[in-house]
């Protein structure tokens, strides 16, 4: 018997908030994008870039008094749009970069105030400024952008990137200037002489000025491979060799040097199936800058639906090979088949083919006699139907009967017939052909009639030609009858 009460767990508010945070964090980390979210990443990095210029990062400790600088770094954080360290030649990228530093907030220099002219100074940090150059480089050529913003746009356009094999590199170099407010205390001494003698008096004066300390650095260069347009990187193996033949299915083979994360088959303007081979994730660095990476088919949005099938594999001469198989749909006739692929940057390559789709036809041939005498008439009976046995009416059927040509038309039952006379001793071949029409594939049938002897003679000629033989036979039969008696 089930108990009549329930024990409810008690969760303290702090534990509950921790649990909610962990669930939210796990959701963020597990988020995948079916399509590369370049616009989302670019918007985030564009907004973040200015805040990376002049970040003060506390590193702790003290530098020697002669070196106010404790830390200085220039970093190229990300080049985007990019995926897996690759950029597209069609989409000139930006680089988000920043510089950061730390400086001693204040300190005293050596010095004392015990005698005339001696002094001491106190340094107080009063700000930092920088002067920088961004350098973009392709093999054999580089260009410099002075005083770059963050992000900084590529110095090379799409045409130059498309003409290069890459890689594209970028780095930033420049100088940071630390500004300090300096308080200098100086002991002033002066002699005073009166009627009763001379004496020396001293006092302290404070003088304020500013001191600047420059430091130069360069970032490490960042290089990204160039991906050229999908239309330049993808080739197609012909999928149909004979459009006039009935095709139960058709196949396209795409070979590519760039990754196609998405393939789609479109039949007569309607999507027949699609497949995503990669999905995309976000990663964030310690400054909050985003970059994209791919993962194999991790998106729940990926799907493959009949009547199209997709497959990816390695290729001997290309980096990737893709296989698309499409089953024709709809009534027999002309159809449009399009296969679309997209690379990691959303650029598409389309292959379209107009396909003549046929339904199967069946032609049967029956002869009234399989053998005949020379000159004897033989009937060739034909029947034309579709694959399900439904008659095809009003269709032209060509017949070659031992060299005699006939053009027949099928009736309401799909039937047609012709009488012919064999012309040769031996095998006489009869061939019937339906060349195909109105969406039905060609078909043919054949048969053989054998001619047993030469041309038959009239009865009078037979008696004349063979009269002696017949008379001899009669005499032999008569003698046999006499003996038997």
Protein backbone atom coordinates (compact mmCIF):
# COMPACT_ATOMS: atom_id res chain seq x y z
CA UNK A 1 0.00 0.00 0.00
CA UNK A 2 1.37 3.37 -0.98
CA UNK A 3 2.19 5.78 1.88
CA UNK A 4 -0.27 8.57 2.49
CA UNK A 5 2.36 11.28 2.74
CA UNK A 6 5.24 12.67 0.65
CA UNK A 7 8.62 13.82 1.91
CA UNK A 8 9.55 17.10 0.18
CA UNK A 9 13.26 18.02 -0.03
CA UNK A 10 14.20 21.31 1.55
CA UNK A 11 16.50 23.54 -0.55
CA UNK A 12 18.08 26.59 1.02
CA UNK A 13 17.86 29.79 -1.07
CA UNK A 14 21.63 29.97 -1.59
CA UNK A 15 21.77 26.35 -2.74
CA UNK A 16 18.81 26.94 -5.06
CA UNK A 17 20.47 29.96 -6.68
CA UNK A 18 23.67 27.97 -7.12
CA UNK A 19 21.73 25.16 -8.79
CA UNK A 20 19.97 27.59 -11.15
CA UNK A 21 23.31 29.18 -12.07
CA UNK A 22 24.91 25.79 -12.79
CA UNK A 23 21.97 24.76 -14.98
CA UNK A 24 22.18 28.06 -16.86
CA UNK A 25 25.93 27.71 -17.30
CA UNK A 26 25.58 24.15 -18.58
CA UNK A 27 22.97 25.37 -21.06
CA UNK A 28 25.32 28.05 -22.36
CA UNK A 29 28.18 25.63 -22.73
CA UNK A 30 25.99 23.08 -24.50
CA UNK A 31 24.54 25.58 -26.99
CA UNK A 32 25.26 24.73 -30.61
CA UNK A 33 24.38 26.69 -33.69
CA UNK A 34 23.09 24.89 -36.76
CA UNK A 35 24.38 27.69 -38.99
CA UNK A 36 27.54 29.73 -38.35
CA UNK A 37 26.40 32.84 -36.36
CA UNK A 38 28.90 35.24 -37.93
CA UNK A 39 26.69 38.31 -37.52
CA UNK A 40 26.14 37.52 -33.84
CA UNK A 41 29.87 37.09 -33.20
CA UNK A 42 30.78 40.20 -35.19
CA UNK A 43 28.26 42.34 -33.33
CA UNK A 44 29.63 41.19 -29.98
CA UNK A 45 33.29 41.71 -30.90
CA UNK A 46 32.59 45.08 -32.56
CA UNK A 47 31.01 46.35 -29.35
CA UNK A 48 33.70 44.89 -27.12
CA UNK A 49 36.74 46.08 -29.10
CA UNK A 50 37.03 49.69 -27.82
CA UNK A 51 37.01 48.53 -24.20
CA UNK A 52 40.18 46.50 -24.81
CA UNK A 53 42.32 49.57 -25.49
CA UNK A 54 44.25 50.60 -22.40
CA UNK A 55 43.02 48.02 -19.90
CA UNK A 56 44.84 48.24 -16.60
CA UNK A 57 45.46 44.80 -15.16
CA UNK A 58 46.78 44.53 -11.62
CA UNK A 59 49.71 42.12 -11.62
CA UNK A 60 50.97 42.77 -8.07
CA UNK A 61 54.51 43.29 -6.85
CA UNK A 62 56.76 46.29 -7.43
CA UNK A 63 59.14 47.13 -10.23
CA UNK A 64 62.52 48.72 -9.56
CA UNK A 65 62.32 52.46 -8.89
CA UNK A 66 63.94 53.15 -12.24
CA UNK A 67 61.17 51.22 -14.10
CA UNK A 68 57.66 52.44 -13.33
CA UNK A 69 56.17 49.90 -15.76
CA UNK A 70 55.06 46.60 -14.23
CA UNK A 71 53.29 45.05 -17.24
CA UNK A 72 52.62 45.95 -20.90
CA UNK A 73 51.11 43.74 -23.62
CA UNK A 74 49.62 44.14 -27.11
CA UNK A 75 47.34 41.29 -28.21
CA UNK A 76 45.49 40.46 -31.42
CA UNK A 77 42.55 38.61 -29.88
CA UNK A 78 40.59 37.35 -32.88
CA UNK A 79 40.19 37.72 -36.62
CA UNK A 80 36.58 37.41 -37.78
CA UNK A 81 34.48 36.23 -39.49
CA UNK A 82 36.43 33.02 -39.13
CA UNK A 83 35.90 29.36 -38.27
CA UNK A 84 38.60 26.98 -37.04
CA UNK A 85 41.34 29.50 -37.81
CA UNK A 86 40.19 30.08 -41.41
CA UNK A 87 38.84 33.18 -43.06
CA UNK A 88 36.95 33.63 -46.32
CA UNK A 89 38.44 35.44 -49.29
CA UNK A 90 34.96 36.82 -50.03
CA UNK A 91 34.61 38.38 -46.59
CA UNK A 92 37.56 40.65 -45.67
CA UNK A 93 37.93 40.27 -41.92
CA UNK A 94 38.41 42.52 -38.94
CA UNK A 95 40.87 42.02 -36.11
CA UNK A 96 39.85 42.79 -32.55
CA UNK A 97 42.92 43.74 -30.55
CA UNK A 98 43.84 45.50 -27.35
CA UNK A 99 46.65 46.69 -25.16
CA UNK A 100 46.89 46.34 -21.43
CA UNK A 101 49.36 47.44 -18.78
CA UNK A 102 50.05 47.90 -15.12
CA UNK A 103 52.17 50.60 -13.48
CA UNK A 104 53.32 51.43 -9.99
CA UNK A 105 50.69 53.74 -8.49
CA UNK A 106 53.18 55.83 -6.48
CA UNK A 107 56.60 55.58 -4.93
CA UNK A 108 59.39 57.70 -3.45
CA UNK A 109 62.76 58.22 -5.00
CA UNK A 110 66.00 58.19 -3.06
CA UNK A 111 66.77 61.43 -1.29
CA UNK A 112 66.86 63.23 2.04
CA UNK A 113 66.07 66.63 3.42
CA UNK A 114 68.92 67.07 5.85
CA UNK A 115 71.06 69.65 4.07
CA UNK A 116 70.76 72.60 1.76
CA UNK A 117 70.03 71.58 -1.80
CA UNK A 118 69.15 67.99 -1.00
CA UNK A 119 65.70 66.79 -2.08
CA UNK A 120 63.37 63.90 -2.44
CA UNK A 121 60.64 63.15 -4.97
CA UNK A 122 57.35 61.30 -4.86
CA UNK A 123 55.86 59.85 -8.10
CA UNK A 124 52.11 59.43 -8.51
CA UNK A 125 50.63 57.69 -11.61
CA UNK A 126 48.62 60.13 -13.72
CA UNK A 127 47.52 58.06 -16.76
CA UNK A 128 48.76 56.23 -19.84
CA UNK A 129 48.49 56.80 -23.57
CA UNK A 130 49.64 54.88 -26.59
CA UNK A 131 50.57 55.18 -30.24
CA UNK A 132 50.09 52.06 -32.41
CA UNK A 133 50.23 50.65 -35.93
CA UNK A 134 48.33 47.62 -37.27
CA UNK A 135 50.12 45.64 -39.96
CA UNK A 136 48.26 43.33 -42.37
CA UNK A 137 50.33 41.00 -44.55
CA UNK A 138 49.88 38.54 -47.40
CA UNK A 139 52.89 36.62 -48.76
CA UNK A 140 55.18 39.22 -50.32
CA UNK A 141 53.18 42.33 -49.38
CA UNK A 142 52.20 44.16 -46.18
CA UNK A 143 50.19 47.27 -45.38
CA UNK A 144 50.09 49.41 -42.25
CA UNK A 145 47.13 51.17 -40.64
CA UNK A 146 48.31 53.93 -38.22
CA UNK A 147 46.32 54.69 -35.08
CA UNK A 148 43.99 51.72 -35.57
CA UNK A 149 40.69 51.37 -33.79
CA UNK A 150 39.62 48.06 -32.31
CA UNK A 151 38.42 46.23 -34.27
CA UNK A 152 40.56 47.21 -37.24
CA UNK A 153 39.47 46.27 -40.77
CA UNK A 154 41.64 44.32 -43.17
CA UNK A 155 43.85 46.35 -45.49
CA UNK A 156 43.17 43.80 -48.28
CA UNK A 157 39.86 43.61 -50.14
CA UNK A 158 38.01 40.60 -51.49
CA UNK A 159 39.66 40.73 -54.93
CA UNK A 160 43.17 40.72 -53.44
CA UNK A 161 42.33 37.95 -51.01
CA UNK A 162 40.76 35.87 -53.78
CA UNK A 163 43.91 36.25 -55.89
CA UNK A 164 46.17 35.07 -53.06
CA UNK A 165 46.78 31.63 -51.65
CA UNK A 166 47.32 33.14 -48.18
CA UNK A 167 47.71 33.02 -45.28
CA UNK A 168 46.61 36.44 -44.07
CA UNK A 169 48.55 37.72 -41.04
CA UNK A 170 48.06 40.67 -38.74
CA UNK A 171 49.98 42.15 -35.82
CA UNK A 172 50.10 45.44 -33.90
CA UNK A 173 53.12 47.30 -32.60
CA UNK A 174 53.45 50.58 -30.77
CA UNK A 175 54.46 52.53 -27.70
CA UNK A 176 52.75 53.15 -24.38
CA UNK A 177 53.63 56.30 -22.47
CA UNK A 178 53.18 56.32 -18.68
CA UNK A 179 52.53 59.76 -17.26
CA UNK A 180 53.49 60.52 -13.65
CA UNK A 181 52.89 63.58 -11.51
CA UNK A 182 56.10 64.32 -9.65
CA UNK A 183 56.32 66.19 -6.35
CA UNK A 184 59.87 67.34 -5.66
CA UNK A 185 60.73 68.68 -2.24
CA UNK A 186 63.86 70.89 -2.15
CA UNK A 187 65.60 72.32 0.93
CA UNK A 188 66.21 75.98 0.34
CA UNK A 189 68.95 77.71 2.36
CA UNK A 190 69.80 81.40 2.61
CA UNK A 191 72.31 83.42 4.67
CA UNK A 192 71.22 86.54 6.51
CA UNK A 193 73.72 89.00 7.93
CA UNK A 194 72.87 91.63 10.54
CA UNK A 195 74.82 94.07 12.68
CA UNK A 196 75.50 91.36 15.15
CA UNK A 197 76.62 88.70 12.65
CA UNK A 198 75.45 86.30 9.93
CA UNK A 199 73.18 83.23 10.10
CA UNK A 200 71.74 80.63 7.72
CA UNK A 201 68.04 79.80 7.44
CA UNK A 202 66.46 76.86 5.57
CA UNK A 203 62.97 75.83 4.47
CA UNK A 204 61.36 73.25 2.19
CA UNK A 205 59.71 74.09 -1.13
CA UNK A 206 57.57 71.71 -3.16
CA UNK A 207 57.77 71.79 -6.96
CA UNK A 208 55.24 69.87 -9.15
CA UNK A 209 55.87 68.66 -12.71
CA UNK A 210 55.19 65.64 -14.89
CA UNK A 211 57.46 62.89 -16.07
CA UNK A 212 56.79 60.59 -19.08
CA UNK A 213 58.14 57.08 -19.51
CA UNK A 214 57.76 55.40 -22.97
CA UNK A 215 57.86 51.64 -23.53
CA UNK A 216 57.69 49.87 -26.89
CA UNK A 217 56.13 46.46 -27.69
CA UNK A 218 54.85 44.35 -30.60
CA UNK A 219 52.17 41.69 -30.54
CA UNK A 220 52.72 38.21 -31.84
CA UNK A 221 51.51 37.89 -35.46
CA UNK A 222 48.29 35.96 -35.97
CA UNK A 223 47.88 34.03 -39.24
CA UNK A 224 44.68 32.65 -40.73
CA UNK A 225 44.30 30.31 -43.70
CA UNK A 226 42.30 31.61 -46.65
CA UNK A 227 39.20 29.78 -47.85
CA UNK A 228 38.21 30.68 -51.39
CA UNK A 229 34.61 30.80 -52.61
CA UNK A 230 32.73 27.53 -52.69
CA UNK A 231 32.01 28.07 -56.40
CA UNK A 232 35.77 28.00 -57.02
CA UNK A 233 36.49 25.02 -54.80
CA UNK A 234 33.72 22.60 -55.69
CA UNK A 235 33.56 20.43 -58.80
CA UNK A 236 30.80 18.10 -59.90
CA UNK A 237 30.93 14.61 -61.36
CA UNK A 238 28.15 14.27 -63.98
CA UNK A 239 25.27 12.42 -62.42
CA UNK A 240 23.26 11.37 -65.49
CA UNK A 241 24.71 9.82 -68.65
CA UNK A 242 21.50 9.42 -70.65
CA UNK A 243 18.45 11.55 -69.93
CA UNK A 244 16.20 9.47 -72.21
CA UNK A 245 16.55 6.36 -70.09
CA UNK A 246 14.23 5.58 -67.22
CA UNK A 247 16.05 6.49 -63.99
CA UNK A 248 14.85 5.06 -60.66
CA UNK A 249 17.30 7.41 -58.88
CA UNK A 250 19.96 9.96 -59.70
CA UNK A 251 23.27 10.65 -58.00
CA UNK A 252 25.49 13.72 -57.75
CA UNK A 253 29.08 13.62 -56.54
CA UNK A 254 30.55 16.91 -55.29
CA UNK A 255 34.28 17.21 -54.67
CA UNK A 256 35.51 20.19 -52.68
CA UNK A 257 38.60 21.74 -51.15
CA UNK A 258 36.46 23.80 -48.78
CA UNK A 259 34.18 22.34 -46.16
CA UNK A 260 30.50 22.26 -47.07
CA UNK A 261 28.60 22.14 -43.82
CA UNK A 262 25.18 22.06 -45.52
CA UNK A 263 23.74 20.30 -48.57
CA UNK A 264 20.22 20.60 -49.93
CA UNK A 265 18.38 18.84 -52.73
CA UNK A 266 15.59 20.76 -54.46
CA UNK A 267 13.20 18.99 -56.85
CA UNK A 268 10.94 21.23 -58.94
CA UNK A 269 11.40 24.13 -56.51
CA UNK A 270 10.57 22.15 -53.35
CA UNK A 271 13.12 20.97 -50.80
CA UNK A 272 13.41 17.21 -51.14
CA UNK A 273 15.97 16.83 -48.33
CA UNK A 274 18.89 18.49 -46.58
CA UNK A 275 21.77 17.58 -44.30
CA UNK A 276 24.07 19.54 -41.99
CA UNK A 277 27.44 17.87 -41.59
CA UNK A 278 28.82 20.36 -39.02
CA UNK A 279 27.40 22.59 -36.33
CA UNK A 280 29.10 25.53 -34.64
CA UNK A 281 30.09 26.52 -31.13
CA UNK A 282 31.33 29.71 -29.48
CA UNK A 283 34.45 30.01 -27.38
CA UNK A 284 35.41 33.04 -25.31
CA UNK A 285 38.88 34.15 -24.27
CA UNK A 286 39.86 35.81 -21.00
CA UNK A 287 39.01 39.25 -22.39
CA UNK A 288 35.52 38.19 -23.49
CA UNK A 289 36.32 38.02 -27.22
CA UNK A 290 34.36 35.40 -29.17
CA UNK A 291 35.49 33.05 -31.91
CA UNK A 292 33.78 30.19 -33.77
CA UNK A 293 34.71 26.54 -34.13
CA UNK A 294 32.99 23.64 -35.84
CA UNK A 295 31.87 20.31 -34.42
CA UNK A 296 30.78 17.25 -36.43
CA UNK A 297 27.01 17.14 -36.80
CA UNK A 298 26.17 18.09 -33.22
CA UNK A 299 23.09 20.16 -34.04
CA UNK A 300 19.66 18.77 -33.29
CA UNK A 301 18.42 20.77 -36.29
CA UNK A 302 20.28 18.51 -38.72
CA UNK A 303 18.04 16.23 -40.71
CA UNK A 304 17.89 14.09 -43.80
CA UNK A 305 14.51 13.44 -45.36
CA UNK A 306 13.38 11.22 -48.22
CA UNK A 307 13.54 11.13 -51.14
CA UNK A 308 17.08 12.58 -50.97
CA UNK A 309 20.05 10.97 -49.25
CA UNK A 310 23.39 12.51 -48.37
CA UNK A 311 26.82 11.25 -47.43
CA UNK A 312 30.25 12.80 -46.78
CA UNK A 313 33.55 10.99 -47.18
CA UNK A 314 37.21 11.57 -47.90
CA UNK A 315 38.45 12.09 -51.43
CA UNK A 316 41.66 11.03 -53.12
CA UNK A 317 42.26 14.27 -54.98
CA UNK A 318 40.14 16.69 -52.92
CA UNK A 319 39.78 17.30 -49.20
CA UNK A 320 36.10 16.37 -49.16
CA UNK A 321 33.65 14.33 -51.21
CA UNK A 322 29.87 14.58 -50.96
CA UNK A 323 27.27 12.21 -52.39
CA UNK A 324 23.67 13.24 -53.04
CA UNK A 325 21.08 10.73 -54.23
CA UNK A 326 17.67 11.89 -55.42
CA UNK A 327 14.60 9.82 -56.29
CA UNK A 328 12.51 11.44 -59.04
CA UNK A 329 9.05 12.54 -57.96
CA UNK A 330 5.92 13.66 -59.78
CA UNK A 331 4.53 12.83 -63.19
CA UNK A 332 6.79 11.79 -66.06
CA UNK A 333 8.22 14.70 -67.99
CA UNK A 334 10.79 17.48 -67.61
CA UNK A 335 11.89 18.34 -64.06
CA UNK A 336 14.42 20.69 -62.48
CA UNK A 337 16.90 19.26 -59.96
CA UNK A 338 19.14 21.60 -57.94
CA UNK A 339 21.81 20.65 -55.41
CA UNK A 340 22.96 23.50 -53.14
CA UNK A 341 25.97 23.47 -50.86
CA UNK A 342 27.10 26.09 -48.32
CA UNK A 343 30.56 26.61 -46.90
CA UNK A 344 31.44 27.75 -43.38
CA UNK A 345 30.82 31.38 -44.38
CA UNK A 346 27.34 30.86 -45.82
CA UNK A 347 28.46 31.19 -49.43
CA UNK A 348 26.56 28.84 -51.73
CA UNK A 349 27.34 26.80 -54.78
CA UNK A 350 24.39 25.60 -56.88
CA UNK A 351 24.24 22.89 -59.51
CA UNK A 352 21.05 22.71 -61.57
CA UNK A 353 20.10 20.09 -64.13
CA UNK A 354 16.92 19.76 -66.17
CA UNK A 355 15.98 16.10 -65.99
CA UNK A 356 13.62 14.26 -68.32
CA UNK A 357 11.95 11.74 -66.04
CA UNK A 358 10.33 8.77 -67.78
CA UNK A 359 7.85 6.15 -66.66
CA UNK A 360 8.62 2.62 -67.78
CA UNK A 361 6.84 1.13 -70.81
CA UNK A 362 6.45 -2.52 -71.76
CA UNK A 363 6.09 -3.78 -75.33
CA UNK A 364 5.18 -7.42 -76.02
CA UNK A 365 5.35 -9.23 -79.41
CA UNK A 366 3.66 -12.51 -80.33
CA UNK A 367 3.78 -14.32 -83.74
CA UNK A 368 0.94 -16.42 -85.07
CA UNK A 369 3.46 -19.07 -86.20
CA UNK A 370 6.99 -19.72 -85.13
CA UNK A 371 7.71 -21.44 -88.47
CA UNK A 372 6.29 -21.05 -91.95
CA UNK A 373 6.79 -21.88 -95.60
CA UNK A 374 8.23 -19.32 -97.94
CA UNK A 375 5.46 -16.91 -98.88
CA UNK A 376 3.18 -17.98 -96.05
CA UNK A 377 1.71 -15.01 -94.13
CA UNK A 378 2.50 -14.60 -90.43
CA UNK A 379 0.84 -12.20 -88.00
CA UNK A 380 2.85 -10.08 -85.52
CA UNK A 381 0.59 -9.06 -82.61
CA UNK A 382 1.82 -6.22 -80.36
CA UNK A 383 0.70 -4.77 -77.03
CA UNK A 384 2.06 -1.61 -75.35
CA UNK A 385 1.42 -0.89 -71.65
CA UNK A 386 2.96 0.98 -68.75
CA UNK A 387 4.75 -0.71 -65.84
CA UNK A 388 1.42 -1.52 -64.20
CA UNK A 389 -0.11 -3.07 -67.33
CA UNK A 390 -2.32 -0.10 -68.22
CA UNK A 391 -2.62 0.23 -72.04
CA UNK A 392 -0.80 3.07 -73.76
CA UNK A 393 -3.07 4.15 -76.59
CA UNK A 394 -2.35 6.11 -79.70
CA UNK A 395 1.42 5.47 -79.55
CA UNK A 396 3.57 4.89 -82.62
CA UNK A 397 5.25 1.51 -82.84
CA UNK A 398 7.84 0.76 -85.54
CA UNK A 399 8.11 -2.82 -86.77
CA UNK A 400 10.92 -4.34 -88.84
CA UNK A 401 9.74 -7.73 -90.09
CA UNK A 402 12.54 -9.45 -92.04
CA UNK A 403 13.52 -6.17 -93.65
CA UNK A 404 9.96 -4.97 -94.18
CA UNK A 405 9.15 -1.71 -92.32
CA UNK A 406 5.75 -0.95 -90.84
CA UNK A 407 4.49 1.99 -88.75
CA UNK A 408 1.65 1.00 -86.41
CA UNK A 409 -0.46 2.89 -83.87
CA UNK A 410 -1.70 1.25 -80.68
CA UNK A 411 -5.48 1.11 -80.25
CA UNK A 412 -7.59 1.63 -77.14
CA UNK A 413 -6.27 -1.61 -75.67
CA UNK A 414 -2.70 -0.75 -76.49
CA UNK A 415 -2.74 -3.35 -79.29
CA UNK A 416 -1.53 -3.33 -82.88
CA UNK A 417 -1.04 -6.10 -85.47
CA UNK A 418 0.50 -6.60 -88.91
CA UNK A 419 0.63 -9.51 -91.39
CA UNK A 420 3.86 -10.11 -93.26
CA UNK A 421 5.42 -12.82 -95.43
CA UNK A 422 8.91 -14.10 -94.61
CA UNK A 423 11.41 -13.54 -97.42
CA UNK A 424 14.33 -15.77 -96.60
CA UNK A 425 14.95 -19.43 -95.86
CA UNK A 426 16.00 -19.81 -92.24
CA UNK A 427 15.53 -17.37 -89.37
CA UNK A 428 13.60 -14.20 -90.09
CA UNK A 429 13.89 -11.66 -87.27
CA UNK A 430 10.99 -9.43 -86.27
CA UNK A 431 11.79 -6.34 -84.13
CA UNK A 432 9.22 -3.91 -82.69
CA UNK A 433 10.30 -0.57 -81.14
CA UNK A 434 8.49 2.09 -79.11
CA UNK A 435 10.76 5.16 -79.17
CA UNK A 436 9.15 6.76 -76.11
CA UNK A 437 6.77 9.69 -75.89
CA UNK A 438 4.87 11.85 -73.40
CA UNK A 439 7.07 10.89 -70.48
CA UNK A 440 7.31 7.16 -71.17
CA UNK A 441 10.64 5.47 -71.69
CA UNK A 442 11.49 3.55 -74.87
CA UNK A 443 10.95 -0.20 -75.03
CA UNK A 444 11.34 -2.95 -77.61
CA UNK A 445 10.49 -6.58 -78.29
CA UNK A 446 11.63 -9.12 -80.85
CA UNK A 447 10.86 -12.63 -82.13
CA UNK A 448 12.04 -15.04 -84.85
CA UNK A 449 10.05 -16.99 -87.47
CA UNK A 450 11.77 -19.90 -89.27
CA UNK A 451 11.20 -20.59 -92.98
CA UNK A 452 11.40 -24.35 -93.59
CA UNK A 453 11.65 -24.60 -97.42
CA UNK A 454 11.75 -22.69 -100.70
CA UNK A 455 8.82 -21.03 -102.41
CA UNK A 456 5.73 -23.41 -102.62
CA UNK A 457 4.57 -24.60 -106.13
CA UNK A 458 1.02 -24.87 -107.59
CA UNK A 459 -0.43 -28.42 -107.56
CA UNK A 460 -0.17 -28.83 -111.38
CA UNK A 461 3.52 -27.96 -111.28
CA UNK A 462 4.03 -30.41 -108.47
CA UNK A 463 2.54 -33.24 -110.59
CA UNK A 464 4.63 -32.30 -113.61
CA UNK A 465 7.84 -32.03 -111.67
CA UNK A 466 7.35 -35.19 -109.59
CA UNK A 467 5.05 -37.33 -111.89
CA UNK A 468 7.68 -40.06 -112.60
CA UNK A 469 8.40 -40.53 -108.96
CA UNK A 470 4.74 -40.88 -108.16
CA UNK A 471 4.21 -43.44 -111.00
CA UNK A 472 7.09 -45.52 -109.65
CA UNK A 473 5.59 -45.48 -106.20
CA UNK A 474 2.25 -46.69 -107.57
CA UNK A 475 3.93 -49.61 -109.41
CA UNK A 476 5.83 -50.65 -106.27
CA UNK A 477 2.68 -50.62 -104.22
CA UNK A 478 0.92 -52.74 -106.91
CA UNK A 479 3.62 -55.41 -106.94
CA UNK A 480 3.49 -55.59 -103.15
CA UNK A 481 -0.26 -56.27 -103.34
CA UNK A 482 0.14 -59.02 -106.00
CA UNK A 483 2.76 -60.89 -103.95
CA UNK A 484 0.71 -60.72 -100.86
CA UNK A 485 -2.01 -62.65 -102.63
